[in-house]
Structure formats: C-alpha cells, structure tokens
Amino acid sequence: MLDIKDCINDICPWSGDPVSADSLTLYKGQVVGFCNRGCRDKFEKAASMFEAKLR
C-alpha cells in the first residue's frame, strides 16, 4: 500500500491543491500524490498514453 509519507510532492500537479492520502500512485518508482482520485486517474491515463508513444 502506498503511504503519503513517501510522496515526493505536497501539491497536486493538476489542481494546485494539497495532496490526499487516498489519491496516490506509483510512477517510475516514486509515490506521486494528487488532491483527489479524479486527478490521479487523469494522470495515470495521460502517463500511460505518453509511455505507449515512447515505445
């Protein structure tokens, strides 16, 4: 389970709001936080699209 204490950011990269413990994801070995699950899911979708293009 991901822990907010391992999060590399304090502010959501999408909204600018503080990150929430229930909205974390793992990206390239780092825990990244978002203010809500919607922002997290938007990031995961965008990241997977970019990763697919890089292959």
Protein backbone atom coordinates (compact mmCIF):
# COMPACT_ATOMS: atom_id res chain seq x y z
CA MET A 1 0.00 0.00 0.00
CA LEU A 2 1.25 3.49 -0.84
CA ASP A 3 1.93 5.86 2.04
CA ILE A 4 1.64 9.65 1.93
CA LYS A 5 4.88 9.98 3.93
CA ASP A 6 6.70 8.56 0.87
CA CYS A 7 5.04 11.04 -1.50
CA ILE A 8 7.50 13.21 -3.48
CA ASN A 9 5.09 16.17 -3.74
CA ASP A 10 2.81 18.11 -1.40
CA ILE A 11 0.75 19.84 -4.08
CA CYS A 12 -1.41 18.19 -6.77
CA PRO A 13 0.21 18.79 -10.19
CA TRP A 14 -3.23 19.14 -11.82
CA SER A 15 -5.14 21.39 -9.41
CA GLY A 16 -2.55 23.02 -7.15
CA ASP A 17 -4.42 21.76 -4.06
CA PRO A 18 -2.77 19.73 -1.26
CA VAL A 19 -2.38 16.00 -1.91
CA SER A 20 -4.65 13.45 -0.25
CA ALA A 21 -3.59 10.11 1.24
CA ASP A 22 -6.27 8.26 -0.77
CA SER A 23 -5.08 9.66 -4.11
CA LEU A 24 -1.55 8.33 -4.53
CA THR A 25 0.03 6.49 -7.43
CA LEU A 26 3.39 4.94 -8.20
CA TYR A 27 5.22 6.47 -11.16
CA LYS A 28 8.71 5.35 -12.17
CA GLY A 29 9.36 4.05 -8.66
CA GLN A 30 8.18 7.22 -6.89
CA VAL A 31 4.98 7.86 -4.95
CA VAL A 32 3.15 10.83 -6.51
CA GLY A 33 0.17 12.44 -4.81
CA PHE A 34 -2.97 14.15 -6.08
CA CYS A 35 -5.77 16.06 -4.39
CA ASN A 36 -8.41 13.50 -5.39
CA ARG A 37 -8.81 10.24 -7.25
CA GLY A 38 -10.05 12.02 -10.37
CA CYS A 39 -6.77 13.92 -10.74
CA ARG A 40 -4.84 10.72 -10.00
CA ASP A 41 -6.77 8.79 -12.64
CA LYS A 42 -6.30 11.59 -15.18
CA PHE A 43 -2.54 11.47 -14.54
CA GLU A 44 -2.37 7.68 -14.84
CA LYS A 45 -4.22 7.81 -18.18
CA ALA A 46 -2.01 10.61 -19.54
CA ALA A 47 1.18 8.91 -18.35
CA SER A 48 0.23 5.59 -19.93
CA MET A 49 -0.51 7.35 -23.24
CA PHE A 50 2.91 9.04 -23.21
CA GLU A 51 4.67 5.81 -22.24
CA ALA A 52 2.97 3.99 -25.13
CA LYS A 53 4.12 6.67 -27.58
CA LEU A 54 7.71 6.38 -26.34
CA ARG A 55 7.88 2.66 -27.10
